Amino acid sequence: MNTRILPLIALLALTGGCATSQTTYLNNGEQGLSIDCSGEANSWASCYEKADASCAGTGYRIVGTDGTPAPAESDKTLGVDVGNYKNRSVVVVCK
């Protein structure tokens, strides 16, 4: 394996490539999921994929989002959002 690739693999392992979720309760007592999809290896799409998987395909309602907004296509490098560490989280309620 090329030794220049090893630091990149280590960086990706540290930033994580998976969104995580945990149960949360809304002010009205409704149970929801707080999904964290922060990091360079993730995107807003990974939040929504995790929500869909966590809700077993029944669908979900987005209650709130927090984090860095998705960049415009013109702000991406070769079609990829690169640069700063991104903080992203979404709260959903399964249908």
C-alpha atoms as a PDB file:
ATOM      1  CA  MET A   1       0.000   0.000   0.000  1.00  0.00           C
ATOM      2  CA  ASN A   2       1.266   3.458  -0.820  1.00  0.00           C
ATOM      3  CA  THR A   3       2.551   5.149   2.361  1.00  0.00           C
ATOM      4  CA  ARG A   4       1.066   8.487   1.300  1.00  0.00           C
ATOM      5  CA  ILE A   5      -2.420   6.989   1.520  1.00  0.00           C
ATOM      6  CA  LEU A   6      -2.040   5.768   5.122  1.00  0.00           C
ATOM      7  CA  PRO A   7      -2.365   9.247   6.733  1.00  0.00           C
ATOM      8  CA  LEU A   8      -5.544   9.850   4.716  1.00  0.00           C
ATOM      9  CA  ILE A   9      -7.038   6.561   5.896  1.00  0.00           C
ATOM     10  CA  ALA A  10      -6.134   7.426   9.488  1.00  0.00           C
ATOM     11  CA  LEU A  11      -7.753  10.859   9.154  1.00  0.00           C
ATOM     12  CA  LEU A  12     -10.956   9.365   7.770  1.00  0.00           C
ATOM     13  CA  ALA A  13     -11.048   6.842  10.601  1.00  0.00           C
ATOM     14  CA  LEU A  14     -10.708   9.629  13.171  1.00  0.00           C
ATOM     15  CA  THR A  15     -13.391  11.856  11.665  1.00  0.00           C
ATOM     16  CA  GLY A  16     -15.776   8.948  11.389  1.00  0.00           C
ATOM     17  CA  GLY A  17     -17.921   8.089   8.448  1.00  0.00           C
ATOM     18  CA  CYS A  18     -21.104   7.159  10.218  1.00  0.00           C
ATOM     19  CA  ALA A  19     -23.907   9.254  11.559  1.00  0.00           C
ATOM     20  CA  THR A  20     -24.936   8.416  15.120  1.00  0.00           C
ATOM     21  CA  SER A  21     -28.347   8.699  16.721  1.00  0.00           C
ATOM     22  CA  GLN A  22     -29.787   8.749  20.210  1.00  0.00           C
ATOM     23  CA  THR A  23     -33.274   8.969  21.620  1.00  0.00           C
ATOM     24  CA  THR A  24     -34.424  12.388  22.723  1.00  0.00           C
ATOM     25  CA  TYR A  25     -37.691  13.865  23.979  1.00  0.00           C
ATOM     26  CA  LEU A  26     -39.261  17.035  22.658  1.00  0.00           C
ATOM     27  CA  ASN A  27     -40.815  19.712  24.872  1.00  0.00           C
ATOM     28  CA  ASN A  28     -44.275  18.265  24.153  1.00  0.00           C
ATOM     29  CA  GLY A  29     -43.161  14.811  25.412  1.00  0.00           C
ATOM     30  CA  GLU A  30     -42.954  13.299  21.936  1.00  0.00           C
ATOM     31  CA  GLN A  31     -40.065  10.860  21.428  1.00  0.00           C
ATOM     32  CA  GLY A  32     -37.611  11.700  18.672  1.00  0.00           C
ATOM     33  CA  LEU A  33     -34.113  10.948  17.453  1.00  0.00           C
ATOM     34  CA  SER A  34     -31.162  13.299  17.657  1.00  0.00           C
ATOM     35  CA  ILE A  35     -28.824  12.430  14.789  1.00  0.00           C
ATOM     36  CA  ASP A  36     -25.234  13.678  14.644  1.00  0.00           C
ATOM     37  CA  CYS A  37     -23.575  13.596  11.233  1.00  0.00           C
ATOM     38  CA  SER A  38     -20.665  15.940  11.866  1.00  0.00           C
ATOM     39  CA  GLY A  39     -17.265  15.679  10.254  1.00  0.00           C
ATOM     40  CA  GLU A  40     -15.639  15.801   6.861  1.00  0.00           C
ATOM     41  CA  ALA A  41     -16.598  12.208   6.037  1.00  0.00           C
ATOM     42  CA  ASN A  42     -20.323  12.946   6.469  1.00  0.00           C
ATOM     43  CA  SER A  43     -22.876  15.235   4.863  1.00  0.00           C
ATOM     44  CA  TRP A  44     -26.457  16.353   5.396  1.00  0.00           C
ATOM     45  CA  ALA A  45     -27.423  13.386   3.231  1.00  0.00           C
ATOM     46  CA  SER A  46     -25.868  11.027   5.792  1.00  0.00           C
ATOM     47  CA  CYS A  47     -28.143  12.570   8.461  1.00  0.00           C
ATOM     48  CA  TYR A  48     -31.222  11.857   6.377  1.00  0.00           C
ATOM     49  CA  GLU A  49     -30.033   8.351   5.452  1.00  0.00           C
ATOM     50  CA  LYS A  50     -29.543   7.587   9.153  1.00  0.00           C
ATOM     51  CA  ALA A  51     -33.008   8.991   9.923  1.00  0.00           C
ATOM     52  CA  ASP A  52     -34.564   6.786   7.247  1.00  0.00           C
ATOM     53  CA  ALA A  53     -32.718   3.703   8.499  1.00  0.00           C
ATOM     54  CA  SER A  54     -33.535   4.462  12.154  1.00  0.00           C
ATOM     55  CA  CYS A  55     -37.222   4.871  11.341  1.00  0.00           C
ATOM     56  CA  ALA A  56     -37.271   1.489   9.570  1.00  0.00           C
ATOM     57  CA  GLY A  57     -38.495   2.994   6.311  1.00  0.00           C
ATOM     58  CA  THR A  58     -41.734   4.351   7.826  1.00  0.00           C
ATOM     59  CA  GLY A  59     -40.675   7.924   7.144  1.00  0.00           C
ATOM     60  CA  TYR A  60     -39.876  10.773   9.476  1.00  0.00           C
ATOM     61  CA  ARG A  61     -40.653  14.387  10.188  1.00  0.00           C
ATOM     62  CA  ILE A  62     -37.762  16.835  10.638  1.00  0.00           C
ATOM     63  CA  VAL A  63     -38.203  18.793  13.861  1.00  0.00           C
ATOM     64  CA  GLY A  64     -34.983  20.796  13.775  1.00  0.00           C
ATOM     65  CA  THR A  65     -31.537  21.105  12.269  1.00  0.00           C
ATOM     66  CA  ASP A  66     -28.361  22.704  13.488  1.00  0.00           C
ATOM     67  CA  GLY A  67     -24.978  23.155  11.868  1.00  0.00           C
ATOM     68  CA  THR A  68     -23.147  24.357   8.860  1.00  0.00           C
ATOM     69  CA  PRO A  69     -25.485  24.913   5.904  1.00  0.00           C
ATOM     70  CA  ALA A  70     -24.969  22.872   2.759  1.00  0.00           C
ATOM     71  CA  PRO A  71     -22.769  24.794   0.325  1.00  0.00           C
ATOM     72  CA  ALA A  72     -23.890  25.894  -3.120  1.00  0.00           C
ATOM     73  CA  GLU A  73     -22.582  23.764  -5.975  1.00  0.00           C
ATOM     74  CA  SER A  74     -20.379  26.671  -7.054  1.00  0.00           C
ATOM     75  CA  ASP A  75     -18.635  26.615  -3.641  1.00  0.00           C
ATOM     76  CA  LYS A  76     -17.601  22.971  -3.954  1.00  0.00           C
ATOM     77  CA  THR A  77     -14.240  21.739  -5.228  1.00  0.00           C
ATOM     78  CA  LEU A  78     -14.716  19.189  -8.026  1.00  0.00           C
ATOM     79  CA  GLY A  79     -18.264  18.677  -6.790  1.00  0.00           C
ATOM     80  CA  VAL A  80     -17.202  17.895  -3.213  1.00  0.00           C
ATOM     81  CA  ASP A  81     -17.593  20.016  -0.082  1.00  0.00           C
ATOM     82  CA  VAL A  82     -14.029  20.181   1.258  1.00  0.00           C
ATOM     83  CA  GLY A  83     -12.415  22.409   3.839  1.00  0.00           C
ATOM     84  CA  ASN A  84     -13.519  23.080   7.371  1.00  0.00           C
ATOM     85  CA  TYR A  85     -14.763  20.538   9.884  1.00  0.00           C
ATOM     86  CA  LYS A  86     -18.525  20.552   9.651  1.00  0.00           C
ATOM     87  CA  ASN A  87     -20.992  20.342  12.540  1.00  0.00           C
ATOM     88  CA  ARG A  88     -24.338  18.911  11.566  1.00  0.00           C
ATOM     89  CA  SER A  89     -27.235  17.521  13.575  1.00  0.00           C
ATOM     90  CA  VAL A  90     -30.894  16.930  12.951  1.00  0.00           C
ATOM     91  CA  VAL A  91     -33.795  15.975  15.220  1.00  0.00           C
ATOM     92  CA  VAL A  92     -36.514  13.828  13.665  1.00  0.00           C
ATOM     93  CA  VAL A  93     -39.695  12.078  14.756  1.00  0.00           C
ATOM     94  CA  CYS A  94     -40.511   8.760  13.098  1.00  0.00           C
ATOM     95  CA  LYS A  95     -43.965   8.482  11.524  1.00  0.00           C
END
